[in-house]
Amino acid sequence: MRAGGGAAVGAAVFPVLRRPLFKSIPVVKKIDRCERLSDAAVRFERDSVTLGWEERLRARARRRSDAGFEFATALPRGTILRQDDCFVFEAERTVVRVVELDEPMLVVRPPNSREWGLFAYHIGNSHQPMMITDDAMVCPDALGMDQILTYHGIPFVRERRPFTPLGQISDHQHSMAR
């Protein structure tokens, strides 16, 4: 506030209003597979975005590529991004490839079908996300998960690897019996 009859000489009134309030960024609404890019997109500049499993479950998000290119995704609900999915930006002549981040995991390798069922039951009953491969069950190395496995006598090893959970159930709840 000024006690005079106007603004001071050379003073800028609300200089913040001169800058744009929002930065416009490109938005991608569909996924292409890297091996099926159009002839034009094959010649575009290449970049990558390395994402952990939770980030790959977010269909709508603001992202930054590994080289610093900012963009947003507005994909259909339930979309799970996977290794070698690509985002094609025609105007920027850029293709951004999804890379699955190696993250700390607990890996269980059951020796027989009975233990496959038993171990899957205990892991599922603890409401933990799980991935099943040809030879293992994989869970994120979340706080307390190693204790759950140990309590149930489930042998495991720690590894760093990409993770994609089996599926997402929205609003999964148990009702209390009255």
N, C-alpha and C. Protein backbone atom coordinates (compact mmCIF):
# COMPACT_ATOMS: atom_id res chain seq x y z
N MET A 1 0.85 -1.16 0.00
CA MET A 1 0.00 0.00 0.00
C MET A 1 0.90 1.23 0.00
N ARG A 2 0.48 2.26 -0.69
CA ARG A 2 1.27 3.47 -0.81
C ARG A 2 0.41 4.65 -0.39
N ALA A 3 1.03 5.56 0.32
CA ALA A 3 0.30 6.71 0.83
C ALA A 3 0.38 7.87 -0.15
N GLY A 4 0.26 7.65 -1.38
CA GLY A 4 0.36 8.75 -2.33
C GLY A 4 -0.77 8.70 -3.31
N GLY A 5 -0.66 9.48 -4.31
CA GLY A 5 -1.73 9.58 -5.29
C GLY A 5 -1.55 8.65 -6.47
N GLY A 6 -0.89 7.55 -6.34
CA GLY A 6 -0.73 6.61 -7.46
C GLY A 6 0.42 5.68 -7.20
N ALA A 7 0.71 4.88 -8.19
CA ALA A 7 1.79 3.91 -8.07
C ALA A 7 3.13 4.61 -8.13
N ALA A 8 4.10 4.04 -7.49
CA ALA A 8 5.46 4.59 -7.52
C ALA A 8 5.99 4.53 -8.94
N VAL A 9 6.86 5.44 -9.29
CA VAL A 9 7.44 5.48 -10.63
C VAL A 9 8.17 4.17 -10.89
N GLY A 10 7.86 3.55 -11.98
CA GLY A 10 8.53 2.31 -12.37
C GLY A 10 8.03 1.08 -11.64
N ALA A 11 7.06 1.20 -10.76
CA ALA A 11 6.58 0.04 -10.01
C ALA A 11 5.73 -0.85 -10.90
N ALA A 12 5.87 -2.10 -10.73
CA ALA A 12 5.06 -3.06 -11.48
C ALA A 12 3.87 -3.44 -10.61
N VAL A 13 2.70 -3.31 -11.15
CA VAL A 13 1.50 -3.67 -10.42
C VAL A 13 1.20 -5.13 -10.74
N PHE A 14 1.21 -5.97 -9.72
CA PHE A 14 0.97 -7.40 -9.86
C PHE A 14 1.80 -8.04 -10.97
N PRO A 15 3.11 -8.04 -10.85
CA PRO A 15 3.93 -8.63 -11.91
C PRO A 15 3.66 -10.12 -12.12
N VAL A 16 3.10 -10.78 -11.12
CA VAL A 16 2.81 -12.19 -11.26
C VAL A 16 1.74 -12.44 -12.33
N LEU A 17 0.89 -11.47 -12.59
CA LEU A 17 -0.16 -11.63 -13.59
C LEU A 17 0.37 -11.61 -15.01
N ARG A 18 1.59 -11.18 -15.19
CA ARG A 18 2.18 -11.16 -16.53
C ARG A 18 2.59 -12.55 -16.98
N ARG A 19 2.86 -13.44 -16.04
CA ARG A 19 3.26 -14.81 -16.38
C ARG A 19 2.03 -15.67 -16.54
N PRO A 20 2.08 -16.64 -17.45
CA PRO A 20 0.94 -17.56 -17.56
C PRO A 20 0.80 -18.37 -16.27
N LEU A 21 -0.42 -18.57 -15.84
CA LEU A 21 -0.66 -19.32 -14.61
C LEU A 21 -0.48 -20.82 -14.79
N PHE A 22 -0.79 -21.33 -15.96
CA PHE A 22 -0.71 -22.76 -16.21
C PHE A 22 0.17 -23.03 -17.42
N LYS A 23 1.01 -24.04 -17.28
CA LYS A 23 1.86 -24.45 -18.39
C LYS A 23 1.10 -25.50 -19.19
N SER A 24 0.99 -25.32 -20.47
CA SER A 24 0.32 -26.28 -21.32
C SER A 24 1.29 -27.42 -21.64
N ILE A 25 0.82 -28.65 -21.42
CA ILE A 25 1.65 -29.80 -21.74
C ILE A 25 0.86 -30.75 -22.63
N PRO A 26 1.56 -31.52 -23.46
CA PRO A 26 0.84 -32.46 -24.33
C PRO A 26 0.20 -33.57 -23.50
N VAL A 27 -0.96 -34.01 -23.96
CA VAL A 27 -1.71 -35.07 -23.28
C VAL A 27 -1.88 -36.24 -24.24
N VAL A 28 -1.55 -37.42 -23.78
CA VAL A 28 -1.72 -38.62 -24.59
C VAL A 28 -2.93 -39.38 -24.09
N LYS A 29 -3.74 -39.89 -25.04
CA LYS A 29 -4.99 -40.55 -24.68
C LYS A 29 -5.04 -42.02 -25.11
N LYS A 30 -3.95 -42.49 -25.71
CA LYS A 30 -3.92 -43.91 -26.09
C LYS A 30 -2.49 -44.43 -26.05
N ILE A 31 -2.40 -45.74 -25.99
CA ILE A 31 -1.11 -46.42 -25.94
C ILE A 31 -0.88 -47.13 -27.26
N ASP A 32 0.35 -47.07 -27.74
CA ASP A 32 0.77 -47.87 -28.88
C ASP A 32 1.83 -48.84 -28.39
N ARG A 33 1.95 -49.98 -29.02
CA ARG A 33 3.05 -50.89 -28.72
C ARG A 33 4.24 -50.50 -29.58
N CYS A 34 5.42 -50.52 -29.00
CA CYS A 34 6.63 -50.08 -29.72
C CYS A 34 6.83 -50.86 -31.01
N GLU A 35 6.50 -52.14 -31.01
CA GLU A 35 6.71 -52.95 -32.21
C GLU A 35 5.65 -52.70 -33.29
N ARG A 36 4.62 -51.90 -32.99
CA ARG A 36 3.56 -51.62 -33.97
C ARG A 36 3.39 -50.13 -34.26
N LEU A 37 4.47 -49.36 -34.16
CA LEU A 37 4.38 -47.92 -34.43
C LEU A 37 4.14 -47.66 -35.91
N SER A 38 3.50 -46.55 -36.21
CA SER A 38 3.27 -46.16 -37.60
C SER A 38 4.62 -45.87 -38.28
N ASP A 39 4.62 -45.86 -39.60
CA ASP A 39 5.85 -45.56 -40.34
C ASP A 39 6.40 -44.19 -39.97
N ALA A 40 5.51 -43.21 -39.77
CA ALA A 40 5.95 -41.86 -39.40
C ALA A 40 6.55 -41.86 -37.99
N ALA A 41 5.89 -42.51 -37.04
CA ALA A 41 6.35 -42.50 -35.65
C ALA A 41 7.69 -43.21 -35.48
N VAL A 42 7.98 -44.18 -36.33
CA VAL A 42 9.25 -44.90 -36.24
C VAL A 42 10.42 -43.93 -36.39
N ARG A 43 10.22 -42.84 -37.12
CA ARG A 43 11.30 -41.86 -37.37
C ARG A 43 11.35 -40.75 -36.32
N PHE A 44 10.42 -40.73 -35.38
CA PHE A 44 10.40 -39.69 -34.35
C PHE A 44 11.55 -39.87 -33.36
N GLU A 45 11.85 -38.79 -32.63
CA GLU A 45 12.84 -38.85 -31.55
C GLU A 45 12.35 -39.83 -30.49
N ARG A 46 13.29 -40.55 -29.87
CA ARG A 46 12.93 -41.56 -28.86
C ARG A 46 13.30 -41.08 -27.46
N ASP A 47 12.45 -41.43 -26.51
CA ASP A 47 12.66 -41.11 -25.10
C ASP A 47 12.05 -42.27 -24.32
N SER A 48 12.21 -42.27 -23.02
CA SER A 48 11.61 -43.31 -22.19
C SER A 48 11.11 -42.68 -20.90
N VAL A 49 10.20 -43.39 -20.24
CA VAL A 49 9.73 -42.99 -18.92
C VAL A 49 9.77 -44.25 -18.05
N THR A 50 10.58 -44.21 -17.00
CA THR A 50 10.75 -45.36 -16.11
C THR A 50 9.78 -45.20 -14.94
N LEU A 51 8.89 -46.18 -14.79
CA LEU A 51 7.81 -46.09 -13.81
C LEU A 51 7.76 -47.31 -12.91
N GLY A 52 7.52 -47.07 -11.63
CA GLY A 52 7.28 -48.14 -10.68
C GLY A 52 5.87 -48.70 -10.88
N TRP A 53 5.57 -49.80 -10.20
CA TRP A 53 4.30 -50.47 -10.44
C TRP A 53 3.09 -49.60 -10.08
N GLU A 54 3.17 -48.86 -9.00
CA GLU A 54 2.02 -48.03 -8.61
C GLU A 54 1.81 -46.89 -9.61
N GLU A 55 2.89 -46.34 -10.14
CA GLU A 55 2.76 -45.27 -11.14
C GLU A 55 2.18 -45.80 -12.45
N ARG A 56 2.44 -47.08 -12.76
CA ARG A 56 1.92 -47.67 -14.00
C ARG A 56 0.44 -47.98 -13.92
N LEU A 57 -0.12 -47.95 -12.70
CA LEU A 57 -1.56 -48.18 -12.53
C LEU A 57 -2.38 -46.90 -12.68
N ARG A 58 -1.71 -45.76 -12.69
CA ARG A 58 -2.40 -44.47 -12.76
C ARG A 58 -2.65 -44.11 -14.22
N ALA A 59 -3.90 -44.16 -14.63
CA ALA A 59 -4.25 -43.85 -16.02
C ALA A 59 -4.19 -42.35 -16.31
N ARG A 60 -4.47 -41.56 -15.30
CA ARG A 60 -4.45 -40.10 -15.46
C ARG A 60 -3.37 -39.54 -14.55
N ALA A 61 -2.35 -38.96 -15.18
CA ALA A 61 -1.23 -38.47 -14.38
C ALA A 61 -0.39 -37.48 -15.18
N ARG A 62 0.28 -36.62 -14.45
CA ARG A 62 1.29 -35.75 -15.04
C ARG A 62 2.61 -36.50 -14.91
N ARG A 63 3.40 -36.54 -15.98
CA ARG A 63 4.62 -37.34 -15.99
C ARG A 63 5.78 -36.54 -16.57
N ARG A 64 6.99 -37.03 -16.28
CA ARG A 64 8.21 -36.45 -16.84
C ARG A 64 9.05 -37.62 -17.34
N SER A 65 9.46 -37.55 -18.61
CA SER A 65 10.26 -38.63 -19.17
C SER A 65 11.65 -38.64 -18.55
N ASP A 66 12.40 -39.68 -18.84
CA ASP A 66 13.76 -39.80 -18.31
C ASP A 66 14.66 -38.67 -18.81
N ALA A 67 14.33 -38.10 -19.98
CA ALA A 67 15.11 -36.98 -20.53
C ALA A 67 14.52 -35.62 -20.16
N GLY A 68 13.41 -35.60 -19.41
CA GLY A 68 12.83 -34.34 -18.93
C GLY A 68 11.63 -33.81 -19.70
N PHE A 69 11.12 -34.55 -20.68
CA PHE A 69 9.94 -34.14 -21.46
C PHE A 69 8.70 -34.29 -20.57
N GLU A 70 7.95 -33.19 -20.38
CA GLU A 70 6.74 -33.22 -19.54
C GLU A 70 5.51 -33.49 -20.40
N PHE A 71 4.67 -34.39 -19.88
CA PHE A 71 3.42 -34.72 -20.57
C PHE A 71 2.43 -35.27 -19.55
N ALA A 72 1.21 -35.45 -20.02
CA ALA A 72 0.17 -36.03 -19.15
C ALA A 72 -0.44 -37.22 -19.86
N THR A 73 -0.98 -38.15 -19.06
CA THR A 73 -1.72 -39.27 -19.62
C THR A 73 -3.18 -39.14 -19.19
N ALA A 74 -4.07 -39.38 -20.13
CA ALA A 74 -5.52 -39.41 -19.87
C ALA A 74 -6.03 -40.67 -20.55
N LEU A 75 -5.66 -41.81 -20.00
CA LEU A 75 -5.96 -43.11 -20.58
C LEU A 75 -7.27 -43.65 -20.02
N PRO A 76 -7.86 -44.63 -20.69
CA PRO A 76 -9.10 -45.22 -20.16
C PRO A 76 -8.89 -45.79 -18.76
N ARG A 77 -9.91 -45.67 -17.94
CA ARG A 77 -9.85 -46.17 -16.57
C ARG A 77 -9.49 -47.66 -16.57
N GLY A 78 -8.63 -48.05 -15.64
CA GLY A 78 -8.22 -49.44 -15.54
C GLY A 78 -7.00 -49.80 -16.38
N THR A 79 -6.49 -48.85 -17.15
CA THR A 79 -5.31 -49.11 -17.98
C THR A 79 -4.11 -49.37 -17.08
N ILE A 80 -3.36 -50.41 -17.39
CA ILE A 80 -2.11 -50.71 -16.70
C ILE A 80 -0.99 -50.61 -17.74
N LEU A 81 -0.05 -49.72 -17.49
CA LEU A 81 1.07 -49.55 -18.42
C LEU A 81 2.06 -50.69 -18.25
N ARG A 82 2.57 -51.18 -19.38
CA ARG A 82 3.49 -52.31 -19.37
C ARG A 82 4.76 -51.97 -20.15
N GLN A 83 5.80 -52.76 -19.90
CA GLN A 83 7.07 -52.60 -20.60
C GLN A 83 6.83 -52.52 -22.11
N ASP A 84 7.45 -51.55 -22.75
CA ASP A 84 7.39 -51.33 -24.20
C ASP A 84 6.05 -50.81 -24.71
N ASP A 85 5.17 -50.33 -23.81
CA ASP A 85 4.06 -49.49 -24.27
C ASP A 85 4.69 -48.18 -24.70
N CYS A 86 4.09 -47.52 -25.69
CA CYS A 86 4.64 -46.26 -26.17
C CYS A 86 3.57 -45.19 -26.24
N PHE A 87 4.00 -43.96 -25.99
CA PHE A 87 3.15 -42.79 -26.17
C PHE A 87 3.71 -42.03 -27.37
N VAL A 88 2.85 -41.75 -28.34
CA VAL A 88 3.28 -41.06 -29.54
C VAL A 88 2.78 -39.61 -29.48
N PHE A 89 3.71 -38.68 -29.60
CA PHE A 89 3.39 -37.25 -29.60
C PHE A 89 3.70 -36.72 -30.99
N GLU A 90 2.66 -36.62 -31.82
CA GLU A 90 2.83 -36.22 -33.23
C GLU A 90 3.42 -34.82 -33.35
N ALA A 91 2.83 -33.85 -32.63
CA ALA A 91 3.27 -32.45 -32.77
C ALA A 91 4.72 -32.27 -32.33
N GLU A 92 5.14 -33.01 -31.34
CA GLU A 92 6.51 -32.89 -30.82
C GLU A 92 7.46 -33.86 -31.52
N ARG A 93 6.89 -34.72 -32.39
CA ARG A 93 7.65 -35.74 -33.11
C ARG A 93 8.51 -36.57 -32.16
N THR A 94 7.84 -37.04 -31.09
CA THR A 94 8.53 -37.80 -30.05
C THR A 94 7.73 -39.05 -29.68
N VAL A 95 8.44 -40.14 -29.44
CA VAL A 95 7.85 -41.38 -28.93
C VAL A 95 8.48 -41.64 -27.57
N VAL A 96 7.64 -41.83 -26.55
CA VAL A 96 8.12 -42.12 -25.20
C VAL A 96 7.75 -43.56 -24.87
N ARG A 97 8.77 -44.38 -24.58
CA ARG A 97 8.58 -45.81 -24.29
C ARG A 97 8.53 -46.03 -22.78
N VAL A 98 7.60 -46.86 -22.32
CA VAL A 98 7.48 -47.20 -20.90
C VAL A 98 8.52 -48.26 -20.54
N VAL A 99 9.24 -47.98 -19.46
CA VAL A 99 10.20 -48.93 -18.90
C VAL A 99 9.75 -49.26 -17.48
N GLU A 100 9.61 -50.55 -17.19
CA GLU A 100 9.20 -50.97 -15.85
C GLU A 100 10.41 -50.92 -14.92
N LEU A 101 10.27 -50.20 -13.82
CA LEU A 101 11.32 -50.04 -12.84
C LEU A 101 11.55 -51.33 -12.05
N ASP A 102 12.82 -51.70 -11.86
CA ASP A 102 13.15 -52.81 -10.96
C ASP A 102 12.97 -52.31 -9.53
N GLU A 103 12.11 -52.98 -8.77
CA GLU A 103 11.81 -52.56 -7.40
C GLU A 103 12.03 -53.71 -6.43
N PRO A 104 12.19 -53.40 -5.14
CA PRO A 104 12.39 -54.46 -4.14
C PRO A 104 11.15 -55.35 -4.02
N MET A 105 11.35 -56.64 -4.20
CA MET A 105 10.25 -57.61 -4.16
C MET A 105 10.60 -58.79 -3.26
N LEU A 106 9.56 -59.44 -2.77
CA LEU A 106 9.69 -60.71 -2.06
C LEU A 106 9.22 -61.78 -3.03
N VAL A 107 10.06 -62.77 -3.28
CA VAL A 107 9.77 -63.80 -4.29
C VAL A 107 9.64 -65.15 -3.60
N VAL A 108 8.49 -65.79 -3.82
CA VAL A 108 8.18 -67.09 -3.24
C VAL A 108 8.14 -68.10 -4.39
N ARG A 109 8.91 -69.19 -4.26
CA ARG A 109 8.94 -70.23 -5.29
C ARG A 109 8.42 -71.55 -4.69
N PRO A 110 7.11 -71.76 -4.72
CA PRO A 110 6.55 -72.99 -4.13
C PRO A 110 7.03 -74.22 -4.90
N PRO A 111 7.37 -75.30 -4.18
CA PRO A 111 7.90 -76.50 -4.85
C PRO A 111 6.82 -77.43 -5.42
N ASN A 112 5.57 -77.26 -4.98
CA ASN A 112 4.52 -78.17 -5.47
C ASN A 112 3.17 -77.45 -5.51
N SER A 113 2.20 -78.08 -6.14
CA SER A 113 0.89 -77.43 -6.35
C SER A 113 0.16 -77.17 -5.03
N ARG A 114 0.31 -78.04 -4.04
CA ARG A 114 -0.33 -77.82 -2.75
C ARG A 114 0.16 -76.52 -2.12
N GLU A 115 1.48 -76.30 -2.14
CA GLU A 115 2.04 -75.09 -1.56
C GLU A 115 1.73 -73.86 -2.41
N TRP A 116 1.59 -74.02 -3.73
CA TRP A 116 1.14 -72.89 -4.56
C TRP A 116 -0.20 -72.38 -4.03
N GLY A 117 -1.12 -73.30 -3.81
CA GLY A 117 -2.45 -72.92 -3.33
C GLY A 117 -2.42 -72.35 -1.92
N LEU A 118 -1.70 -73.01 -1.02
CA LEU A 118 -1.62 -72.56 0.37
C LEU A 118 -0.96 -71.18 0.48
N PHE A 119 0.16 -71.00 -0.20
CA PHE A 119 0.87 -69.72 -0.13
C PHE A 119 0.04 -68.59 -0.76
N ALA A 120 -0.61 -68.88 -1.89
CA ALA A 120 -1.47 -67.88 -2.53
C ALA A 120 -2.61 -67.48 -1.60
N TYR A 121 -3.16 -68.46 -0.88
CA TYR A 121 -4.23 -68.18 0.07
C TYR A 121 -3.75 -67.20 1.15
N HIS A 122 -2.60 -67.49 1.76
CA HIS A 122 -2.10 -66.64 2.84
C HIS A 122 -1.73 -65.24 2.35
N ILE A 123 -1.12 -65.17 1.19
CA ILE A 123 -0.76 -63.84 0.65
C ILE A 123 -2.02 -63.06 0.30
N GLY A 124 -2.97 -63.72 -0.35
CA GLY A 124 -4.23 -63.06 -0.71
C GLY A 124 -5.02 -62.64 0.51
N ASN A 125 -5.00 -63.46 1.55
CA ASN A 125 -5.73 -63.15 2.78
C ASN A 125 -5.14 -61.95 3.50
N SER A 126 -3.89 -61.63 3.21
CA SER A 126 -3.27 -60.45 3.81
C SER A 126 -3.52 -59.19 2.97
N HIS A 127 -4.30 -59.34 1.89
CA HIS A 127 -4.69 -58.21 1.03
C HIS A 127 -3.48 -57.51 0.41
N GLN A 128 -2.48 -58.29 0.04
CA GLN A 128 -1.29 -57.73 -0.60
C GLN A 128 -1.38 -57.94 -2.10
N PRO A 129 -0.89 -56.99 -2.88
CA PRO A 129 -0.84 -57.21 -4.33
C PRO A 129 0.15 -58.33 -4.63
N MET A 130 -0.13 -59.09 -5.69
CA MET A 130 0.71 -60.23 -6.01
C MET A 130 0.79 -60.39 -7.53
N MET A 131 1.93 -60.87 -7.97
CA MET A 131 2.14 -61.20 -9.37
C MET A 131 2.52 -62.68 -9.42
N ILE A 132 1.99 -63.40 -10.40
CA ILE A 132 2.34 -64.81 -10.56
C ILE A 132 3.10 -64.96 -11.86
N THR A 133 4.28 -65.57 -11.77
CA THR A 133 5.08 -65.88 -12.96
C THR A 133 5.04 -67.39 -13.16
N ASP A 134 5.78 -67.90 -14.13
CA ASP A 134 5.78 -69.34 -14.37
C ASP A 134 6.29 -70.14 -13.18
N ASP A 135 7.21 -69.54 -12.40
CA ASP A 135 7.82 -70.31 -11.32
C ASP A 135 7.73 -69.65 -9.94
N ALA A 136 7.03 -68.51 -9.83
CA ALA A 136 7.06 -67.81 -8.54
C ALA A 136 5.83 -66.94 -8.33
N MET A 137 5.64 -66.61 -7.03
CA MET A 137 4.69 -65.57 -6.61
C MET A 137 5.56 -64.40 -6.16
N VAL A 138 5.18 -63.20 -6.58
CA VAL A 138 6.00 -62.02 -6.30
C VAL A 138 5.13 -60.98 -5.61
N CYS A 139 5.64 -60.42 -4.50
CA CYS A 139 4.94 -59.38 -3.75
C CYS A 139 5.90 -58.22 -3.52
N PRO A 140 5.39 -57.00 -3.49
CA PRO A 140 6.25 -55.87 -3.12
C PRO A 140 6.82 -56.07 -1.72
N ASP A 141 8.04 -55.63 -1.53
CA ASP A 141 8.69 -55.73 -0.22
C ASP A 141 8.18 -54.58 0.65
N ALA A 142 6.90 -54.68 0.99
CA ALA A 142 6.24 -53.65 1.79
C ALA A 142 6.47 -53.92 3.28
N LEU A 143 6.35 -52.89 4.06
CA LEU A 143 6.54 -52.97 5.51
C LEU A 143 5.69 -54.08 6.11
N GLY A 144 6.33 -55.04 6.75
CA GLY A 144 5.62 -56.11 7.44
C GLY A 144 5.33 -57.34 6.60
N MET A 145 5.48 -57.26 5.26
CA MET A 145 5.15 -58.42 4.43
C MET A 145 6.10 -59.57 4.69
N ASP A 146 7.37 -59.29 4.93
CA ASP A 146 8.31 -60.37 5.24
C ASP A 146 7.91 -61.08 6.53
N GLN A 147 7.36 -60.33 7.49
CA GLN A 147 6.92 -60.94 8.75
C GLN A 147 5.70 -61.85 8.53
N ILE A 148 4.80 -61.45 7.63
CA ILE A 148 3.63 -62.27 7.31
C ILE A 148 4.08 -63.58 6.68
N LEU A 149 5.00 -63.50 5.74
CA LEU A 149 5.49 -64.72 5.08
C LEU A 149 6.20 -65.63 6.09
N THR A 150 7.03 -65.04 6.93
CA THR A 150 7.74 -65.82 7.95
C THR A 150 6.77 -66.47 8.92
N TYR A 151 5.76 -65.74 9.37
CA TYR A 151 4.76 -66.25 10.31
C TYR A 151 4.07 -67.50 9.75
N HIS A 152 3.77 -67.49 8.44
CA HIS A 152 3.08 -68.61 7.80
C HIS A 152 4.04 -69.68 7.30
N GLY A 153 5.34 -69.52 7.57
CA GLY A 153 6.32 -70.52 7.15
C GLY A 153 6.54 -70.55 5.65
N ILE A 154 6.38 -69.42 5.01
CA ILE A 154 6.53 -69.33 3.55
C ILE A 154 7.96 -68.87 3.24
N PRO A 155 8.77 -69.72 2.61
CA PRO A 155 10.14 -69.32 2.28
C PRO A 155 10.13 -68.29 1.14
N PHE A 156 11.02 -67.31 1.22
CA PHE A 156 11.09 -66.26 0.21
C PHE A 156 12.52 -65.76 0.08
N VAL A 157 12.77 -65.08 -1.03
CA VAL A 157 14.04 -64.38 -1.24
C VAL A 157 13.71 -62.95 -1.65
N ARG A 158 14.65 -62.06 -1.42
CA ARG A 158 14.49 -60.67 -1.86
C ARG A 158 15.19 -60.49 -3.20
N GLU A 159 14.47 -59.85 -4.13
CA GLU A 159 15.03 -59.56 -5.45
C GLU A 159 14.54 -58.18 -5.89
N ARG A 160 15.27 -57.60 -6.83
CA ARG A 160 14.82 -56.37 -7.49
C ARG A 160 14.35 -56.79 -8.87
N ARG A 161 13.08 -56.45 -9.17
CA ARG A 161 12.52 -56.82 -10.47
C ARG A 161 11.29 -55.97 -10.73
N PRO A 162 10.87 -55.91 -12.00
CA PRO A 162 9.61 -55.21 -12.30
C PRO A 162 8.43 -55.99 -11.70
N PHE A 163 7.34 -55.27 -11.46
CA PHE A 163 6.17 -55.89 -10.84
C PHE A 163 4.91 -55.35 -11.48
N THR A 164 4.00 -56.25 -11.84
CA THR A 164 2.67 -55.87 -12.31
C THR A 164 1.68 -56.76 -11.58
N PRO A 165 0.84 -56.18 -10.71
CA PRO A 165 -0.09 -57.01 -9.93
C PRO A 165 -1.11 -57.71 -10.82
N LEU A 166 -1.66 -58.79 -10.28
CA LEU A 166 -2.64 -59.59 -11.02
C LEU A 166 -3.81 -58.78 -11.52
N GLY A 167 -4.41 -57.99 -10.70
CA GLY A 167 -5.57 -57.20 -11.10
C GLY A 167 -5.97 -56.29 -9.98
N GLN A 168 -6.74 -55.31 -10.32
CA GLN A 168 -7.17 -54.34 -9.33
C GLN A 168 -8.66 -54.51 -9.10
N ILE A 169 -9.05 -54.59 -7.84
CA ILE A 169 -10.46 -54.66 -7.47
C ILE A 169 -10.78 -53.34 -6.78
N SER A 170 -11.64 -52.56 -7.39
CA SER A 170 -11.95 -51.26 -6.78
C SER A 170 -12.86 -51.43 -5.57
N ASP A 171 -12.55 -50.70 -4.52
CA ASP A 171 -13.37 -50.66 -3.32
C ASP A 171 -13.67 -52.04 -2.74
N HIS A 172 -12.64 -52.88 -2.66
CA HIS A 172 -12.80 -54.23 -2.10
C HIS A 172 -12.91 -54.11 -0.58
N GLN A 173 -14.00 -54.61 -0.02
CA GLN A 173 -14.21 -54.53 1.43
C GLN A 173 -14.86 -55.81 1.92
N HIS A 174 -14.65 -56.08 3.20
CA HIS A 174 -15.35 -57.18 3.87
C HIS A 174 -16.41 -56.55 4.78
N SER A 175 -17.62 -57.11 4.79
CA SER A 175 -18.63 -56.59 5.70
C SER A 175 -18.53 -57.37 7.01
N MET A 176 -18.82 -56.70 8.09
CA MET A 176 -18.78 -57.31 9.41
C MET A 176 -20.10 -58.00 9.70
N ALA A 177 -20.04 -59.23 10.17
CA ALA A 177 -21.26 -59.95 10.54
C ALA A 177 -21.85 -59.33 11.81
N ARG A 178 -23.13 -59.22 11.88
CA ARG A 178 -23.78 -58.61 13.06
C ARG A 178 -24.47 -59.65 13.87
